């Protein structure tokens, strides 16, 4: 069961953004996008910052290699992202 707040967004700006994404793509916004925009000050921004550091920060691997590792892991877990 999903909370309807996550599907709709918790603030007006989030609701409008999720509706725009749904309208422009002619599909419901992906779950990961809904999660990032649900209480974005608590969950979205800190997670996005961490993800950016991991995927684009200093590393022996290029950003492309890290993206490839993430895509491969997602495919193993049957995740679209």
N, C-alpha and C. Protein backbone atom coordinates (compact mmCIF):
# COMPACT_ATOMS: atom_id res chain seq x y z
N UNK A 1 0.84 -1.19 0.00
CA UNK A 1 0.00 0.00 0.00
C UNK A 1 0.88 1.24 0.00
N UNK A 2 0.60 2.16 -0.88
CA UNK A 2 1.35 3.42 -0.94
C UNK A 2 0.55 4.51 -0.25
N UNK A 3 1.26 5.40 0.38
CA UNK A 3 0.59 6.57 0.94
C UNK A 3 0.21 7.50 -0.19
N UNK A 4 -1.01 8.01 -0.16
CA UNK A 4 -1.44 8.91 -1.24
C UNK A 4 -0.62 10.19 -1.24
N UNK A 5 -0.09 10.59 -0.10
CA UNK A 5 0.73 11.78 -0.03
C UNK A 5 1.98 11.64 -0.89
N UNK A 6 2.56 10.45 -0.93
CA UNK A 6 3.74 10.23 -1.76
C UNK A 6 3.37 10.32 -3.23
N UNK A 7 2.23 9.79 -3.61
CA UNK A 7 1.80 9.84 -5.00
C UNK A 7 1.46 11.26 -5.45
N UNK A 8 0.93 12.07 -4.55
CA UNK A 8 0.50 13.43 -4.92
C UNK A 8 1.55 14.48 -4.60
N UNK A 9 2.41 14.24 -3.62
CA UNK A 9 3.34 15.26 -3.15
C UNK A 9 2.80 15.88 -1.87
N UNK A 10 3.69 16.37 -1.02
CA UNK A 10 3.25 16.89 0.27
C UNK A 10 3.11 18.41 0.28
N UNK A 11 3.75 19.12 -0.63
CA UNK A 11 3.62 20.57 -0.72
C UNK A 11 3.11 20.93 -2.11
N UNK A 12 2.55 22.12 -2.24
CA UNK A 12 1.96 22.53 -3.51
C UNK A 12 2.99 22.48 -4.64
N UNK A 13 4.19 22.95 -4.39
CA UNK A 13 5.21 22.95 -5.45
C UNK A 13 5.53 21.52 -5.89
N UNK A 14 5.56 20.59 -4.95
CA UNK A 14 5.81 19.18 -5.29
C UNK A 14 4.64 18.58 -6.05
N UNK A 15 3.42 18.93 -5.64
CA UNK A 15 2.23 18.43 -6.34
C UNK A 15 2.24 18.90 -7.79
N UNK A 16 2.55 20.18 -7.98
CA UNK A 16 2.58 20.72 -9.34
C UNK A 16 3.68 20.07 -10.17
N UNK A 17 4.85 19.87 -9.57
CA UNK A 17 5.95 19.24 -10.29
C UNK A 17 5.60 17.82 -10.71
N UNK A 18 5.04 17.02 -9.80
CA UNK A 18 4.69 15.64 -10.13
C UNK A 18 3.58 15.59 -11.19
N UNK A 19 2.64 16.53 -11.12
CA UNK A 19 1.61 16.58 -12.16
C UNK A 19 2.21 16.94 -13.51
N UNK A 20 3.15 17.90 -13.51
CA UNK A 20 3.80 18.29 -14.76
C UNK A 20 4.57 17.11 -15.36
N UNK A 21 5.30 16.39 -14.52
CA UNK A 21 6.04 15.22 -15.02
C UNK A 21 5.08 14.20 -15.61
N UNK A 22 3.99 13.93 -14.92
CA UNK A 22 3.00 12.99 -15.43
C UNK A 22 2.37 13.46 -16.73
N UNK A 23 2.05 14.76 -16.79
CA UNK A 23 1.44 15.30 -18.00
C UNK A 23 2.42 15.28 -19.17
N UNK A 24 3.65 15.70 -18.94
CA UNK A 24 4.61 15.79 -20.04
C UNK A 24 5.09 14.42 -20.53
N UNK A 25 5.15 13.44 -19.63
CA UNK A 25 5.61 12.11 -20.05
C UNK A 25 4.44 11.18 -20.39
N UNK A 26 3.23 11.62 -20.08
CA UNK A 26 2.02 10.82 -20.30
C UNK A 26 2.04 9.52 -19.51
N UNK A 27 2.77 9.55 -18.41
CA UNK A 27 2.84 8.42 -17.47
C UNK A 27 2.93 8.99 -16.07
N UNK A 28 2.67 8.16 -15.10
CA UNK A 28 2.85 8.59 -13.72
C UNK A 28 4.34 8.82 -13.46
N UNK A 29 4.64 9.76 -12.61
CA UNK A 29 6.03 10.02 -12.25
C UNK A 29 6.63 8.76 -11.63
N UNK A 30 7.90 8.47 -11.92
CA UNK A 30 8.54 7.27 -11.35
C UNK A 30 8.59 7.35 -9.82
N UNK A 31 8.58 6.19 -9.19
CA UNK A 31 8.59 6.12 -7.73
C UNK A 31 9.80 6.82 -7.11
N UNK A 32 10.96 6.71 -7.75
CA UNK A 32 12.15 7.34 -7.18
C UNK A 32 12.00 8.85 -7.19
N UNK A 33 11.37 9.40 -8.21
CA UNK A 33 11.14 10.84 -8.26
C UNK A 33 10.15 11.27 -7.19
N UNK A 34 9.11 10.47 -6.99
CA UNK A 34 8.14 10.77 -5.94
C UNK A 34 8.81 10.75 -4.58
N UNK A 35 9.69 9.79 -4.36
CA UNK A 35 10.38 9.68 -3.08
C UNK A 35 11.27 10.88 -2.83
N UNK A 36 12.00 11.30 -3.86
CA UNK A 36 12.90 12.45 -3.70
C UNK A 36 12.13 13.75 -3.41
N UNK A 37 10.92 13.84 -3.92
CA UNK A 37 10.13 15.05 -3.71
C UNK A 37 9.20 14.98 -2.52
N UNK A 38 9.16 13.85 -1.84
CA UNK A 38 8.36 13.74 -0.62
C UNK A 38 9.20 14.24 0.54
N UNK A 39 8.77 15.29 1.15
CA UNK A 39 9.53 15.93 2.23
C UNK A 39 10.98 16.13 1.81
N UNK A 40 11.14 16.86 0.73
CA UNK A 40 12.45 17.01 0.12
C UNK A 40 13.50 17.61 1.05
N UNK A 41 13.10 18.44 1.99
CA UNK A 41 14.09 19.00 2.91
C UNK A 41 14.63 17.94 3.87
N UNK A 42 13.82 16.92 4.16
CA UNK A 42 14.25 15.87 5.07
C UNK A 42 14.92 14.72 4.33
N UNK A 43 14.34 14.33 3.20
CA UNK A 43 14.82 13.14 2.49
C UNK A 43 15.50 13.49 1.18
N UNK A 44 14.87 14.27 0.35
CA UNK A 44 15.35 14.50 -1.01
C UNK A 44 16.69 15.19 -1.11
N UNK A 45 16.86 16.32 -0.45
CA UNK A 45 18.12 17.06 -0.57
C UNK A 45 19.30 16.32 0.03
N UNK A 46 19.20 15.78 1.25
CA UNK A 46 20.35 15.04 1.78
C UNK A 46 20.72 13.83 0.93
N UNK A 47 19.73 13.09 0.46
CA UNK A 47 20.01 11.92 -0.37
C UNK A 47 20.62 12.33 -1.71
N UNK A 48 20.06 13.37 -2.32
CA UNK A 48 20.59 13.83 -3.59
C UNK A 48 22.03 14.31 -3.45
N UNK A 49 22.32 14.98 -2.35
CA UNK A 49 23.69 15.43 -2.10
C UNK A 49 24.65 14.25 -1.95
N UNK A 50 24.24 13.27 -1.19
CA UNK A 50 25.06 12.07 -1.01
C UNK A 50 25.25 11.34 -2.34
N UNK A 51 24.17 11.19 -3.09
CA UNK A 51 24.25 10.52 -4.37
C UNK A 51 25.18 11.26 -5.33
N UNK A 52 25.10 12.57 -5.32
CA UNK A 52 25.99 13.36 -6.17
C UNK A 52 27.46 13.15 -5.78
N UNK A 53 27.73 13.16 -4.49
CA UNK A 53 29.11 12.94 -4.02
C UNK A 53 29.62 11.56 -4.43
N UNK A 54 28.77 10.56 -4.31
CA UNK A 54 29.18 9.19 -4.66
C UNK A 54 29.39 9.04 -6.16
N UNK A 55 28.49 9.60 -6.95
CA UNK A 55 28.54 9.40 -8.40
C UNK A 55 29.48 10.37 -9.12
N UNK A 56 29.73 11.54 -8.54
CA UNK A 56 30.54 12.54 -9.24
C UNK A 56 31.77 13.00 -8.46
N UNK A 57 31.92 12.55 -7.24
CA UNK A 57 33.05 12.97 -6.42
C UNK A 57 34.35 12.29 -6.84
N UNK A 58 35.42 12.58 -6.14
CA UNK A 58 36.72 11.98 -6.47
C UNK A 58 36.67 10.46 -6.39
N UNK A 59 37.27 9.81 -7.37
CA UNK A 59 37.26 8.35 -7.42
C UNK A 59 38.27 7.88 -8.46
N UNK A 60 38.68 6.63 -8.34
CA UNK A 60 39.52 6.02 -9.36
C UNK A 60 38.71 5.68 -10.61
N UNK A 61 37.38 5.61 -10.47
CA UNK A 61 36.50 5.29 -11.58
C UNK A 61 35.93 6.56 -12.19
N UNK A 62 35.70 6.54 -13.48
CA UNK A 62 35.08 7.69 -14.14
C UNK A 62 33.59 7.74 -13.78
N UNK A 63 32.97 8.89 -14.05
CA UNK A 63 31.52 9.01 -13.81
C UNK A 63 30.76 8.00 -14.67
N UNK A 64 31.21 7.78 -15.90
CA UNK A 64 30.56 6.81 -16.78
C UNK A 64 30.64 5.39 -16.24
N UNK A 65 31.80 5.02 -15.68
CA UNK A 65 31.94 3.68 -15.10
C UNK A 65 31.02 3.52 -13.91
N UNK A 66 30.91 4.55 -13.09
CA UNK A 66 30.02 4.48 -11.92
C UNK A 66 28.57 4.36 -12.36
N UNK A 67 28.18 5.09 -13.42
CA UNK A 67 26.83 4.98 -13.95
C UNK A 67 26.57 3.57 -14.48
N UNK A 68 27.57 3.00 -15.15
CA UNK A 68 27.43 1.64 -15.67
C UNK A 68 27.27 0.63 -14.53
N UNK A 69 28.05 0.78 -13.46
CA UNK A 69 27.92 -0.10 -12.29
C UNK A 69 26.52 0.02 -11.69
N UNK A 70 26.02 1.25 -11.59
CA UNK A 70 24.68 1.47 -11.02
C UNK A 70 23.61 0.83 -11.91
N UNK A 71 23.74 1.00 -13.23
CA UNK A 71 22.77 0.41 -14.14
C UNK A 71 22.80 -1.12 -14.09
N UNK A 72 23.99 -1.68 -14.02
CA UNK A 72 24.13 -3.14 -13.95
C UNK A 72 23.50 -3.67 -12.65
N UNK A 73 23.79 -3.00 -11.54
CA UNK A 73 23.22 -3.42 -10.26
C UNK A 73 21.70 -3.32 -10.30
N UNK A 74 21.18 -2.24 -10.87
CA UNK A 74 19.73 -2.09 -10.99
C UNK A 74 19.12 -3.21 -11.82
N UNK A 75 19.80 -3.59 -12.90
CA UNK A 75 19.25 -4.67 -13.73
C UNK A 75 19.25 -5.99 -12.98
N UNK A 76 20.28 -6.24 -12.18
CA UNK A 76 20.31 -7.46 -11.38
C UNK A 76 19.17 -7.50 -10.37
N UNK A 77 18.81 -6.33 -9.86
CA UNK A 77 17.74 -6.24 -8.87
C UNK A 77 16.37 -6.02 -9.50
N UNK A 78 16.32 -6.10 -10.85
CA UNK A 78 15.07 -5.89 -11.59
C UNK A 78 14.44 -4.53 -11.29
N UNK A 79 15.30 -3.53 -11.18
CA UNK A 79 14.88 -2.16 -10.93
C UNK A 79 15.08 -1.35 -12.21
N UNK A 80 14.15 -0.48 -12.55
CA UNK A 80 14.25 0.29 -13.79
C UNK A 80 15.26 1.43 -13.68
N UNK A 81 15.77 1.72 -12.52
CA UNK A 81 16.64 2.89 -12.36
C UNK A 81 18.07 2.50 -12.15
